[in-house]
Amino acid sequence: SKNIKPIITQIRDAFERNKEAILQANKIDQKNNNGFIMDFNIINNIFS
């Protein structure tokens, strides 16, 4: 409760730092016909 905004910033940064791993997981889901191509612009818009 005392650190909500910094925690959200840290989550956003963690997604950015792990972007390649997220995209790799996303490619595996796509390969298995179990997902769509993720767009990090949408993720950035959510956080903004």
ModelCIF file with pLDDT and N, C-alpha, C, O atoms, coordinates in Angstrom:
data_MODEL
#
_entry.id   MODEL 
#
_entity.id                         1 
_entity.type                       polymer 
_entity.pdbx_number_of_molecules   1 
#
_entity_poly.entity_id                      1 
_entity_poly.type                           'polypeptide(L)' 
_entity_poly.nstd_linkage                   no 
_entity_poly.nstd_monomer                   no 
_entity_poly.pdbx_seq_one_letter_code       SKNIKPIITQIRDAFERNKEAILQANKIDQKNNNGFIMDFNIINNIFS 
_entity_poly.pdbx_seq_one_letter_code_can   SKNIKPIITQIRDAFERNKEAILQANKIDQKNNNGFIMDFNIINNIFS 
_entity_poly.pdbx_strand_id                 A 
#
loop_
_entity_poly_seq.entity_id 
_entity_poly_seq.num 
_entity_poly_seq.mon_id 
_entity_poly_seq.hetero 
1 1  SER n 
1 2  LYS n 
1 3  ASN n 
1 4  ILE n 
1 5  LYS n 
1 6  PRO n 
1 7  ILE n 
1 8  ILE n 
1 9  THR n 
1 10 GLN n 
1 11 ILE n 
1 12 ARG n 
1 13 ASP n 
1 14 ALA n 
1 15 PHE n 
1 16 GLU n 
1 17 ARG n 
1 18 ASN n 
1 19 LYS n 
1 20 GLU n 
1 21 ALA n 
1 22 ILE n 
1 23 LEU n 
1 24 GLN n 
1 25 ALA n 
1 26 ASN n 
1 27 LYS n 
1 28 ILE n 
1 29 ASP n 
1 30 GLN n 
1 31 LYS n 
1 32 ASN n 
1 33 ASN n 
1 34 ASN n 
1 35 GLY n 
1 36 PHE n 
1 37 ILE n 
1 38 MET n 
1 39 ASP n 
1 40 PHE n 
1 41 ASN n 
1 42 ILE n 
1 43 ILE n 
1 44 ASN n 
1 45 ASN n 
1 46 ILE n 
1 47 PHE n 
1 48 SER n 
#
_struct_asym.id          A 
_struct_asym.entity_id   1 
#
loop_
_ma_qa_metric.id 
_ma_qa_metric.mode 
_ma_qa_metric.name 
_ma_qa_metric.software_group_id 
_ma_qa_metric.type 
1 global pLDDT . pLDDT 
2 local  pLDDT . pLDDT 
#
_ma_qa_metric_global.metric_id      1 
_ma_qa_metric_global.metric_value   93.23 
_ma_qa_metric_global.model_id       1 
_ma_qa_metric_global.ordinal_id     1 
#
loop_
_ma_qa_metric_local.label_asym_id 
_ma_qa_metric_local.label_comp_id 
_ma_qa_metric_local.label_seq_id 
_ma_qa_metric_local.metric_id 
_ma_qa_metric_local.metric_value 
_ma_qa_metric_local.model_id 
_ma_qa_metric_local.ordinal_id 
A SER 1  2 70.00 1 1  
A LYS 2  2 76.00 1 2  
A ASN 3  2 82.00 1 3  
A ILE 4  2 83.00 1 4  
A LYS 5  2 85.00 1 5  
A PRO 6  2 89.00 1 6  
A ILE 7  2 88.00 1 7  
A ILE 8  2 91.00 1 8  
A THR 9  2 93.00 1 9  
A GLN 10 2 94.00 1 10 
A ILE 11 2 95.00 1 11 
A ARG 12 2 96.00 1 12 
A ASP 13 2 96.00 1 13 
A ALA 14 2 96.00 1 14 
A PHE 15 2 97.00 1 15 
A GLU 16 2 96.00 1 16 
A ARG 17 2 97.00 1 17 
A ASN 18 2 97.00 1 18 
A LYS 19 2 97.00 1 19 
A GLU 20 2 97.00 1 20 
A ALA 21 2 96.00 1 21 
A ILE 22 2 97.00 1 22 
A LEU 23 2 96.00 1 23 
A GLN 24 2 96.00 1 24 
A ALA 25 2 96.00 1 25 
A ASN 26 2 96.00 1 26 
A LYS 27 2 96.00 1 27 
A ILE 28 2 96.00 1 28 
A ASP 29 2 96.00 1 29 
A GLN 30 2 95.00 1 30 
A LYS 31 2 95.00 1 31 
A ASN 32 2 95.00 1 32 
A ASN 33 2 95.00 1 33 
A ASN 34 2 93.00 1 34 
A GLY 35 2 92.00 1 35 
A PHE 36 2 94.00 1 36 
A ILE 37 2 94.00 1 37 
A MET 38 2 94.00 1 38 
A ASP 39 2 95.00 1 39 
A PHE 40 2 95.00 1 40 
A ASN 41 2 96.00 1 41 
A ILE 42 2 95.00 1 42 
A ILE 43 2 96.00 1 43 
A ASN 44 2 95.00 1 44 
A ASN 45 2 94.00 1 45 
A ILE 46 2 94.00 1 46 
A PHE 47 2 95.00 1 47 
A SER 48 2 93.00 1 48 
#
loop_
_atom_site.group_PDB 
_atom_site.id 
_atom_site.type_symbol 
_atom_site.label_atom_id 
_atom_site.label_alt_id 
_atom_site.label_comp_id 
_atom_site.label_asym_id 
_atom_site.label_entity_id 
_atom_site.label_seq_id 
_atom_site.pdbx_PDB_ins_code 
_atom_site.Cartn_x 
_atom_site.Cartn_y 
_atom_site.Cartn_z 
_atom_site.occupancy 
_atom_site.B_iso_or_equiv 
_atom_site.pdbx_formal_charge 
_atom_site.auth_seq_id 
_atom_site.auth_comp_id 
_atom_site.auth_asym_id 
_atom_site.auth_atom_id 
_atom_site.pdbx_PDB_model_num 
ATOM 1   N N  . SER A 1 1  ? 0.815  -1.218  0.000   1.00 70.00 ? 1  SER A N  1 
ATOM 2   C CA . SER A 1 1  ? 0.000  0.000   0.000   1.00 70.00 ? 1  SER A CA 1 
ATOM 3   C C  . SER A 1 1  ? 0.847  1.266   0.000   1.00 70.00 ? 1  SER A C  1 
ATOM 4   O O  . SER A 1 1  ? 0.410  2.302   -0.500  1.00 70.00 ? 1  SER A O  1 
ATOM 5   N N  . LYS A 1 2  ? 2.045  1.193   0.551   1.00 76.00 ? 2  LYS A N  1 
ATOM 6   C CA . LYS A 1 2  ? 2.910  2.375   0.617   1.00 76.00 ? 2  LYS A CA 1 
ATOM 7   C C  . LYS A 1 2  ? 3.756  2.542   -0.637  1.00 76.00 ? 2  LYS A C  1 
ATOM 8   O O  . LYS A 1 2  ? 4.400  3.575   -0.821  1.00 76.00 ? 2  LYS A O  1 
ATOM 9   N N  . ASN A 1 3  ? 3.758  1.537   -1.496  1.00 82.00 ? 3  ASN A N  1 
ATOM 10  C CA . ASN A 1 3  ? 4.660  1.542   -2.654  1.00 82.00 ? 3  ASN A CA 1 
ATOM 11  C C  . ASN A 1 3  ? 3.976  1.153   -3.961  1.00 82.00 ? 3  ASN A C  1 
ATOM 12  O O  . ASN A 1 3  ? 4.621  0.583   -4.841  1.00 82.00 ? 3  ASN A O  1 
ATOM 13  N N  . ILE A 1 4  ? 2.698  1.445   -4.106  1.00 83.00 ? 4  ILE A N  1 
ATOM 14  C CA . ILE A 1 4  ? 1.959  0.988   -5.282  1.00 83.00 ? 4  ILE A CA 1 
ATOM 15  C C  . ILE A 1 4  ? 2.580  1.491   -6.586  1.00 83.00 ? 4  ILE A C  1 
ATOM 16  O O  . ILE A 1 4  ? 2.858  0.697   -7.484  1.00 83.00 ? 4  ILE A O  1 
ATOM 17  N N  . LYS A 1 5  ? 2.798  2.789   -6.694  1.00 85.00 ? 5  LYS A N  1 
ATOM 18  C CA . LYS A 1 5  ? 3.316  3.331   -7.958  1.00 85.00 ? 5  LYS A CA 1 
ATOM 19  C C  . LYS A 1 5  ? 4.705  2.809   -8.308  1.00 85.00 ? 5  LYS A C  1 
ATOM 20  O O  . LYS A 1 5  ? 4.931  2.429   -9.457  1.00 85.00 ? 5  LYS A O  1 
ATOM 21  N N  . PRO A 1 6  ? 5.665  2.774   -7.342  1.00 89.00 ? 6  PRO A N  1 
ATOM 22  C CA . PRO A 1 6  ? 6.971  2.199   -7.698  1.00 89.00 ? 6  PRO A CA 1 
ATOM 23  C C  . PRO A 1 6  ? 6.892  0.715   -8.072  1.00 89.00 ? 6  PRO A C  1 
ATOM 24  O O  . PRO A 1 6  ? 7.656  0.248   -8.917  1.00 89.00 ? 6  PRO A O  1 
ATOM 25  N N  . ILE A 1 7  ? 5.981  -0.019  -7.455  1.00 88.00 ? 7  ILE A N  1 
ATOM 26  C CA . ILE A 1 7  ? 5.833  -1.437  -7.784  1.00 88.00 ? 7  ILE A CA 1 
ATOM 27  C C  . ILE A 1 7  ? 5.315  -1.592  -9.204  1.00 88.00 ? 7  ILE A C  1 
ATOM 28  O O  . ILE A 1 7  ? 5.783  -2.454  -9.948  1.00 88.00 ? 7  ILE A O  1 
ATOM 29  N N  . ILE A 1 8  ? 4.357  -0.767  -9.581  1.00 91.00 ? 8  ILE A N  1 
ATOM 30  C CA . ILE A 1 8  ? 3.833  -0.831  -10.948 1.00 91.00 ? 8  ILE A CA 1 
ATOM 31  C C  . ILE A 1 8  ? 4.937  -0.484  -11.947 1.00 91.00 ? 8  ILE A C  1 
ATOM 32  O O  . ILE A 1 8  ? 5.039  -1.108  -13.003 1.00 91.00 ? 8  ILE A O  1 
ATOM 33  N N  . THR A 1 9  ? 5.756  0.502   -11.618 1.00 93.00 ? 9  THR A N  1 
ATOM 34  C CA . THR A 1 9  ? 6.889  0.858   -12.471 1.00 93.00 ? 9  THR A CA 1 
ATOM 35  C C  . THR A 1 9  ? 7.858  -0.312  -12.583 1.00 93.00 ? 9  THR A C  1 
ATOM 36  O O  . THR A 1 9  ? 8.375  -0.590  -13.665 1.00 93.00 ? 9  THR A O  1 
ATOM 37  N N  . GLN A 1 10 ? 8.106  -1.002  -11.466 1.00 94.00 ? 10 GLN A N  1 
ATOM 38  C CA . GLN A 1 10 ? 9.002  -2.160  -11.476 1.00 94.00 ? 10 GLN A CA 1 
ATOM 39  C C  . GLN A 1 10 ? 8.438  -3.302  -12.322 1.00 94.00 ? 10 GLN A C  1 
ATOM 40  O O  . GLN A 1 10 ? 9.188  -4.002  -13.004 1.00 94.00 ? 10 GLN A O  1 
ATOM 41  N N  . ILE A 1 11 ? 7.123  -3.488  -12.277 1.00 95.00 ? 11 ILE A N  1 
ATOM 42  C CA . ILE A 1 11 ? 6.495  -4.530  -13.101 1.00 95.00 ? 11 ILE A CA 1 
ATOM 43  C C  . ILE A 1 11 ? 6.657  -4.185  -14.574 1.00 95.00 ? 11 ILE A C  1 
ATOM 44  O O  . ILE A 1 11 ? 6.987  -5.045  -15.390 1.00 95.00 ? 11 ILE A O  1 
ATOM 45  N N  . ARG A 1 12 ? 6.423  -2.920  -14.908 1.00 96.00 ? 12 ARG A N  1 
ATOM 46  C CA . ARG A 1 12 ? 6.589  -2.481  -16.305 1.00 96.00 ? 12 ARG A CA 1 
ATOM 47  C C  . ARG A 1 12 ? 8.032  -2.708  -16.758 1.00 96.00 ? 12 ARG A C  1 
ATOM 48  O O  . ARG A 1 12 ? 8.271  -3.212  -17.855 1.00 96.00 ? 12 ARG A O  1 
ATOM 49  N N  . ASP A 1 13 ? 8.988  -2.336  -15.912 1.00 96.00 ? 13 ASP A N  1 
ATOM 50  C CA . ASP A 1 13 ? 10.401 -2.530  -16.233 1.00 96.00 ? 13 ASP A CA 1 
ATOM 51  C C  . ASP A 1 13 ? 10.745 -4.013  -16.364 1.00 96.00 ? 13 ASP A C  1 
ATOM 52  O O  . ASP A 1 13 ? 11.528 -4.397  -17.232 1.00 96.00 ? 13 ASP A O  1 
ATOM 53  N N  . ALA A 1 14 ? 10.157 -4.845  -15.500 1.00 96.00 ? 14 ALA A N  1 
ATOM 54  C CA . ALA A 1 14 ? 10.419 -6.284  -15.552 1.00 96.00 ? 14 ALA A CA 1 
ATOM 55  C C  . ALA A 1 14 ? 9.889  -6.888  -16.852 1.00 96.00 ? 14 ALA A C  1 
ATOM 56  O O  . ALA A 1 14 ? 10.524 -7.769  -17.433 1.00 96.00 ? 14 ALA A O  1 
ATOM 57  N N  . PHE A 1 15 ? 8.737  -6.421  -17.303 1.00 97.00 ? 15 PHE A N  1 
ATOM 58  C CA . PHE A 1 15 ? 8.210  -6.894  -18.591 1.00 97.00 ? 15 PHE A CA 1 
ATOM 59  C C  . PHE A 1 15 ? 9.168  -6.493  -19.716 1.00 97.00 ? 15 PHE A C  1 
ATOM 60  O O  . PHE A 1 15 ? 9.430  -7.277  -20.628 1.00 97.00 ? 15 PHE A O  1 
ATOM 61  N N  . GLU A 1 16 ? 9.684  -5.274  -19.643 1.00 96.00 ? 16 GLU A N  1 
ATOM 62  C CA . GLU A 1 16 ? 10.608 -4.798  -20.674 1.00 96.00 ? 16 GLU A CA 1 
ATOM 63  C C  . GLU A 1 16 ? 11.919 -5.603  -20.636 1.00 96.00 ? 16 GLU A C  1 
ATOM 64  O O  . GLU A 1 16 ? 12.440 -5.990  -21.683 1.00 96.00 ? 16 GLU A O  1 
ATOM 65  N N  . ARG A 1 17 ? 12.448 -5.851  -19.432 1.00 97.00 ? 17 ARG A N  1 
ATOM 66  C CA . ARG A 1 17 ? 13.688 -6.627  -19.303 1.00 97.00 ? 17 ARG A CA 1 
ATOM 67  C C  . ARG A 1 17 ? 13.513 -8.065  -19.793 1.00 97.00 ? 17 ARG A C  1 
ATOM 68  O O  . ARG A 1 17 ? 14.456 -8.676  -20.296 1.00 97.00 ? 17 ARG A O  1 
ATOM 69  N N  . ASN A 1 18 ? 12.321 -8.588  -19.643 1.00 97.00 ? 18 ASN A N  1 
ATOM 70  C CA . ASN A 1 18 ? 12.032 -9.968  -20.029 1.00 97.00 ? 18 ASN A CA 1 
ATOM 71  C C  . ASN A 1 18 ? 11.278 -10.067 -21.347 1.00 97.00 ? 18 ASN A C  1 
ATOM 72  O O  . ASN A 1 18 ? 10.641 -11.080 -21.635 1.00 97.00 ? 18 ASN A O  1 
ATOM 73  N N  . LYS A 1 19 ? 11.354 -9.027  -22.130 1.00 97.00 ? 19 LYS A N  1 
ATOM 74  C CA . LYS A 1 19 ? 10.612 -8.961  -23.403 1.00 97.00 ? 19 LYS A CA 1 
ATOM 75  C C  . LYS A 1 19 ? 10.930 -10.159 -24.300 1.00 97.00 ? 19 LYS A C  1 
ATOM 76  O O  . LYS A 1 19 ? 10.022 -10.765 -24.868 1.00 97.00 ? 19 LYS A O  1 
ATOM 77  N N  . GLU A 1 20 ? 12.208 -10.500 -24.430 1.00 97.00 ? 20 GLU A N  1 
ATOM 78  C CA . GLU A 1 20 ? 12.591 -11.621 -25.295 1.00 97.00 ? 20 GLU A CA 1 
ATOM 79  C C  . GLU A 1 20 ? 11.996 -12.935 -24.794 1.00 97.00 ? 20 GLU A C  1 
ATOM 80  O O  . GLU A 1 20 ? 11.507 -13.736 -25.591 1.00 97.00 ? 20 GLU A O  1 
ATOM 81  N N  . ALA A 1 21 ? 12.034 -13.159 -23.490 1.00 96.00 ? 21 ALA A N  1 
ATOM 82  C CA . ALA A 1 21 ? 11.473 -14.393 -22.928 1.00 96.00 ? 21 ALA A CA 1 
ATOM 83  C C  . ALA A 1 21 ? 9.957  -14.435 -23.145 1.00 96.00 ? 21 ALA A C  1 
ATOM 84  O O  . ALA A 1 21 ? 9.400  -15.488 -23.456 1.00 96.00 ? 21 ALA A O  1 
ATOM 85  N N  . ILE A 1 22 ? 9.303  -13.303 -22.983 1.00 97.00 ? 22 ILE A N  1 
ATOM 86  C CA . ILE A 1 22 ? 7.849  -13.235 -23.208 1.00 97.00 ? 22 ILE A CA 1 
ATOM 87  C C  . ILE A 1 22 ? 7.542  -13.542 -24.663 1.00 97.00 ? 22 ILE A C  1 
ATOM 88  O O  . ILE A 1 22 ? 6.624  -14.308 -24.956 1.00 97.00 ? 22 ILE A O  1 
ATOM 89  N N  . LEU A 1 23 ? 8.304  -12.949 -25.580 1.00 96.00 ? 23 LEU A N  1 
ATOM 90  C CA . LEU A 1 23 ? 8.079  -13.192 -27.004 1.00 96.00 ? 23 LEU A CA 1 
ATOM 91  C C  . LEU A 1 23 ? 8.369  -14.646 -27.369 1.00 96.00 ? 23 LEU A C  1 
ATOM 92  O O  . LEU A 1 23 ? 7.690  -15.207 -28.229 1.00 96.00 ? 23 LEU A O  1 
ATOM 93  N N  . GLN A 1 24 ? 9.374  -15.275 -26.727 1.00 96.00 ? 24 GLN A N  1 
ATOM 94  C CA . GLN A 1 24 ? 9.655  -16.685 -26.980 1.00 96.00 ? 24 GLN A CA 1 
ATOM 95  C C  . GLN A 1 24 ? 8.503  -17.568 -26.498 1.00 96.00 ? 24 GLN A C  1 
ATOM 96  O O  . GLN A 1 24 ? 8.096  -18.498 -27.193 1.00 96.00 ? 24 GLN A O  1 
ATOM 97  N N  . ALA A 1 25 ? 7.985  -17.276 -25.316 1.00 96.00 ? 25 ALA A N  1 
ATOM 98  C CA . ALA A 1 25 ? 6.831  -18.030 -24.806 1.00 96.00 ? 25 ALA A CA 1 
ATOM 99  C C  . ALA A 1 25 ? 5.640  -17.839 -25.734 1.00 96.00 ? 25 ALA A C  1 
ATOM 100 O O  . ALA A 1 25 ? 4.893  -18.779 -26.007 1.00 96.00 ? 25 ALA A O  1 
ATOM 101 N N  . ASN A 1 26 ? 5.472  -16.627 -26.208 1.00 96.00 ? 26 ASN A N  1 
ATOM 102 C CA . ASN A 1 26 ? 4.377  -16.310 -27.127 1.00 96.00 ? 26 ASN A CA 1 
ATOM 103 C C  . ASN A 1 26 ? 4.528  -17.086 -28.436 1.00 96.00 ? 26 ASN A C  1 
ATOM 104 O O  . ASN A 1 26 ? 3.537  -17.564 -28.988 1.00 96.00 ? 26 ASN A O  1 
ATOM 105 N N  . LYS A 1 27 ? 5.767  -17.215 -28.941 1.00 96.00 ? 27 LYS A N  1 
ATOM 106 C CA . LYS A 1 27 ? 6.006  -17.969 -30.178 1.00 96.00 ? 27 LYS A CA 1 
ATOM 107 C C  . LYS A 1 27 ? 5.677  -19.450 -29.987 1.00 96.00 ? 27 LYS A C  1 
ATOM 108 O O  . LYS A 1 27 ? 5.150  -20.095 -30.894 1.00 96.00 ? 27 LYS A O  1 
ATOM 109 N N  . ILE A 1 28 ? 5.986  -19.982 -28.810 1.00 96.00 ? 28 ILE A N  1 
ATOM 110 C CA . ILE A 1 28 ? 5.653  -21.387 -28.538 1.00 96.00 ? 28 ILE A CA 1 
ATOM 111 C C  . ILE A 1 28 ? 4.138  -21.570 -28.535 1.00 96.00 ? 28 ILE A C  1 
ATOM 112 O O  . ILE A 1 28 ? 3.624  -22.529 -29.112 1.00 96.00 ? 28 ILE A O  1 
ATOM 113 N N  . ASP A 1 29 ? 3.418  -20.642 -27.880 1.00 96.00 ? 29 ASP A N  1 
ATOM 114 C CA . ASP A 1 29 ? 1.954  -20.715 -27.890 1.00 96.00 ? 29 ASP A CA 1 
ATOM 115 C C  . ASP A 1 29 ? 1.421  -20.636 -29.319 1.00 96.00 ? 29 ASP A C  1 
ATOM 116 O O  . ASP A 1 29 ? 0.505  -21.374 -29.681 1.00 96.00 ? 29 ASP A O  1 
ATOM 117 N N  . GLN A 1 30 ? 1.989  -19.743 -30.131 1.00 95.00 ? 30 GLN A N  1 
ATOM 118 C CA . GLN A 1 30 ? 1.544  -19.616 -31.527 1.00 95.00 ? 30 GLN A CA 1 
ATOM 119 C C  . GLN A 1 30 ? 1.820  -20.896 -32.308 1.00 95.00 ? 30 GLN A C  1 
ATOM 120 O O  . GLN A 1 30 ? 0.975  -21.368 -33.069 1.00 95.00 ? 30 GLN A O  1 
ATOM 121 N N  . LYS A 1 31 ? 3.036  -21.461 -32.107 1.00 95.00 ? 31 LYS A N  1 
ATOM 122 C CA . LYS A 1 31 ? 3.422  -22.695 -32.797 1.00 95.00 ? 31 LYS A CA 1 
ATOM 123 C C  . LYS A 1 31 ? 2.446  -23.818 -32.474 1.00 95.00 ? 31 LYS A C  1 
ATOM 124 O O  . LYS A 1 31 ? 2.148  -24.654 -33.327 1.00 95.00 ? 31 LYS A O  1 
ATOM 125 N N  . ASN A 1 32 ? 1.953  -23.835 -31.246 1.00 95.00 ? 32 ASN A N  1 
ATOM 126 C CA . ASN A 1 32 ? 0.997  -24.861 -30.814 1.00 95.00 ? 32 ASN A CA 1 
ATOM 127 C C  . ASN A 1 32 ? -0.450 -24.479 -31.122 1.00 95.00 ? 32 ASN A C  1 
ATOM 128 O O  . ASN A 1 32 ? -1.381 -25.086 -30.593 1.00 95.00 ? 32 ASN A O  1 
ATOM 129 N N  . ASN A 1 33 ? -0.635 -23.482 -31.970 1.00 95.00 ? 33 ASN A N  1 
ATOM 130 C CA . ASN A 1 33 ? -1.979 -22.982 -32.314 1.00 95.00 ? 33 ASN A CA 1 
ATOM 131 C C  . ASN A 1 33 ? -2.776 -22.630 -31.064 1.00 95.00 ? 33 ASN A C  1 
ATOM 132 O O  . ASN A 1 33 ? -3.969 -22.918 -30.964 1.00 95.00 ? 33 ASN A O  1 
ATOM 133 N N  . ASN A 1 34 ? -2.088 -22.001 -30.112 1.00 93.00 ? 34 ASN A N  1 
ATOM 134 C CA . ASN A 1 34 ? -2.721 -21.666 -28.840 1.00 93.00 ? 34 ASN A CA 1 
ATOM 135 C C  . ASN A 1 34 ? -2.437 -20.214 -28.470 1.00 93.00 ? 34 ASN A C  1 
ATOM 136 O O  . ASN A 1 34 ? -2.204 -19.905 -27.301 1.00 93.00 ? 34 ASN A O  1 
ATOM 137 N N  . GLY A 1 35 ? -2.456 -19.324 -29.457 1.00 92.00 ? 35 GLY A N  1 
ATOM 138 C CA . GLY A 1 35 ? -2.213 -17.929 -29.124 1.00 92.00 ? 35 GLY A CA 1 
ATOM 139 C C  . GLY A 1 35 ? -2.109 -17.046 -30.349 1.00 92.00 ? 35 GLY A C  1 
ATOM 140 O O  . GLY A 1 35 ? -2.058 -17.512 -31.487 1.00 92.00 ? 35 GLY A O  1 
ATOM 141 N N  . PHE A 1 36 ? -2.080 -15.755 -30.072 1.00 94.00 ? 36 PHE A N  1 
ATOM 142 C CA . PHE A 1 36 ? -1.921 -14.755 -31.124 1.00 94.00 ? 36 PHE A CA 1 
ATOM 143 C C  . PHE A 1 36 ? -0.622 -13.999 -30.884 1.00 94.00 ? 36 PHE A C  1 
ATOM 144 O O  . PHE A 1 36 ? -0.026 -14.119 -29.814 1.00 94.00 ? 36 PHE A O  1 
ATOM 145 N N  . ILE A 1 37 ? -0.184 -13.233 -31.854 1.00 94.00 ? 37 ILE A N  1 
ATOM 146 C CA . ILE A 1 37 ? 1.053  -12.473 -31.742 1.00 94.00 ? 37 ILE A CA 1 
ATOM 147 C C  . ILE A 1 37 ? 0.832  -11.302 -30.791 1.00 94.00 ? 37 ILE A C  1 
ATOM 148 O O  . ILE A 1 37 ? -0.051 -10.471 -31.003 1.00 94.00 ? 37 ILE A O  1 
ATOM 149 N N  . MET A 1 38 ? 1.646  -11.250 -29.745 1.00 94.00 ? 38 MET A N  1 
ATOM 150 C CA . MET A 1 38 ? 1.524  -10.155 -28.781 1.00 94.00 ? 38 MET A CA 1 
ATOM 151 C C  . MET A 1 38 ? 2.199  -8.898  -29.322 1.00 94.00 ? 38 MET A C  1 
ATOM 152 O O  . MET A 1 38 ? 3.190  -8.962  -30.049 1.00 94.00 ? 38 MET A O  1 
ATOM 153 N N  . ASP A 1 39 ? 1.635  -7.765  -28.948 1.00 95.00 ? 39 ASP A N  1 
ATOM 154 C CA . ASP A 1 39 ? 2.161  -6.466  -29.368 1.00 95.00 ? 39 ASP A CA 1 
ATOM 155 C C  . ASP A 1 39 ? 2.544  -5.683  -28.113 1.00 95.00 ? 39 ASP A C  1 
ATOM 156 O O  . ASP A 1 39 ? 1.678  -5.349  -27.304 1.00 95.00 ? 39 ASP A O  1 
ATOM 157 N N  . PHE A 1 40 ? 3.828  -5.389  -27.946 1.00 95.00 ? 40 PHE A N  1 
ATOM 158 C CA . PHE A 1 40 ? 4.278  -4.659  -26.760 1.00 95.00 ? 40 PHE A CA 1 
ATOM 159 C C  . PHE A 1 40 ? 3.780  -3.220  -26.745 1.00 95.00 ? 40 PHE A C  1 
ATOM 160 O O  . PHE A 1 40 ? 3.787  -2.584  -25.692 1.00 95.00 ? 40 PHE A O  1 
ATOM 161 N N  . ASN A 1 41 ? 3.349  -2.692  -27.886 1.00 96.00 ? 41 ASN A N  1 
ATOM 162 C CA . ASN A 1 41 ? 2.744  -1.353  -27.893 1.00 96.00 ? 41 ASN A CA 1 
ATOM 163 C C  . ASN A 1 41 ? 1.445  -1.355  -27.086 1.00 96.00 ? 41 ASN A C  1 
ATOM 164 O O  . ASN A 1 41 ? 1.136  -0.383  -26.397 1.00 96.00 ? 41 ASN A O  1 
ATOM 165 N N  . ILE A 1 42 ? 0.692  -2.445  -27.175 1.00 95.00 ? 42 ILE A N  1 
ATOM 166 C CA . ILE A 1 42 ? -0.550 -2.548  -26.402 1.00 95.00 ? 42 ILE A CA 1 
ATOM 167 C C  . ILE A 1 42 ? -0.230 -2.632  -24.917 1.00 95.00 ? 42 ILE A C  1 
ATOM 168 O O  . ILE A 1 42 ? -0.908 -2.011  -24.098 1.00 95.00 ? 42 ILE A O  1 
ATOM 169 N N  . ILE A 1 43 ? 0.804  -3.400  -24.563 1.00 96.00 ? 43 ILE A N  1 
ATOM 170 C CA . ILE A 1 43 ? 1.206  -3.498  -23.158 1.00 96.00 ? 43 ILE A CA 1 
ATOM 171 C C  . ILE A 1 43 ? 1.628  -2.127  -22.640 1.00 96.00 ? 43 ILE A C  1 
ATOM 172 O O  . ILE A 1 43 ? 1.250  -1.741  -21.534 1.00 96.00 ? 43 ILE A O  1 
ATOM 173 N N  . ASN A 1 44 ? 2.400  -1.397  -23.421 1.00 95.00 ? 44 ASN A N  1 
ATOM 174 C CA . ASN A 1 44 ? 2.816  -0.046  -23.021 1.00 95.00 ? 44 ASN A CA 1 
ATOM 175 C C  . ASN A 1 44 ? 1.623  0.885   -22.871 1.00 95.00 ? 44 ASN A C  1 
ATOM 176 O O  . ASN A 1 44 ? 1.601  1.721   -21.968 1.00 95.00 ? 44 ASN A O  1 
ATOM 177 N N  . ASN A 1 45 ? 0.625  0.749   -23.750 1.00 94.00 ? 45 ASN A N  1 
ATOM 178 C CA . ASN A 1 45 ? -0.593 1.567   -23.638 1.00 94.00 ? 45 ASN A CA 1 
ATOM 179 C C  . ASN A 1 45 ? -1.361 1.242   -22.360 1.00 94.00 ? 45 ASN A C  1 
ATOM 180 O O  . ASN A 1 45 ? -1.902 2.141   -21.716 1.00 94.00 ? 45 ASN A O  1 
ATOM 181 N N  . ILE A 1 46 ? -1.410 -0.022  -21.994 1.00 94.00 ? 46 ILE A N  1 
ATOM 182 C CA . ILE A 1 46 ? -2.095 -0.418  -20.750 1.00 94.00 ? 46 ILE A CA 1 
ATOM 183 C C  . ILE A 1 46 ? -1.439 0.282   -19.570 1.00 94.00 ? 46 ILE A C  1 
ATOM 184 O O  . ILE A 1 46 ? -2.119 0.886   -18.741 1.00 94.00 ? 46 ILE A O  1 
ATOM 185 N N  . PHE A 1 47 ? -0.105 0.199   -19.497 1.00 95.00 ? 47 PHE A N  1 
ATOM 186 C CA . PHE A 1 47 ? 0.607  0.836   -18.387 1.00 95.00 ? 47 PHE A CA 1 
ATOM 187 C C  . PHE A 1 47 ? 0.449  2.356   -18.421 1.00 95.00 ? 47 PHE A C  1 
ATOM 188 O O  . PHE A 1 47 ? 0.251  2.981   -17.379 1.00 95.00 ? 47 PHE A O  1 
ATOM 189 N N  . SER A 1 48 ? 0.534  2.948   -19.602 1.00 93.00 ? 48 SER A N  1 
ATOM 190 C CA . SER A 1 48 ? 0.386  4.409   -19.706 1.00 93.00 ? 48 SER A CA 1 
ATOM 191 C C  . SER A 1 48 ? -0.978 4.858   -19.215 1.00 93.00 ? 48 SER A C  1 
ATOM 192 O O  . SER A 1 48 ? -1.277 6.052   -19.229 1.00 93.00 ? 48 SER A O  1 
#
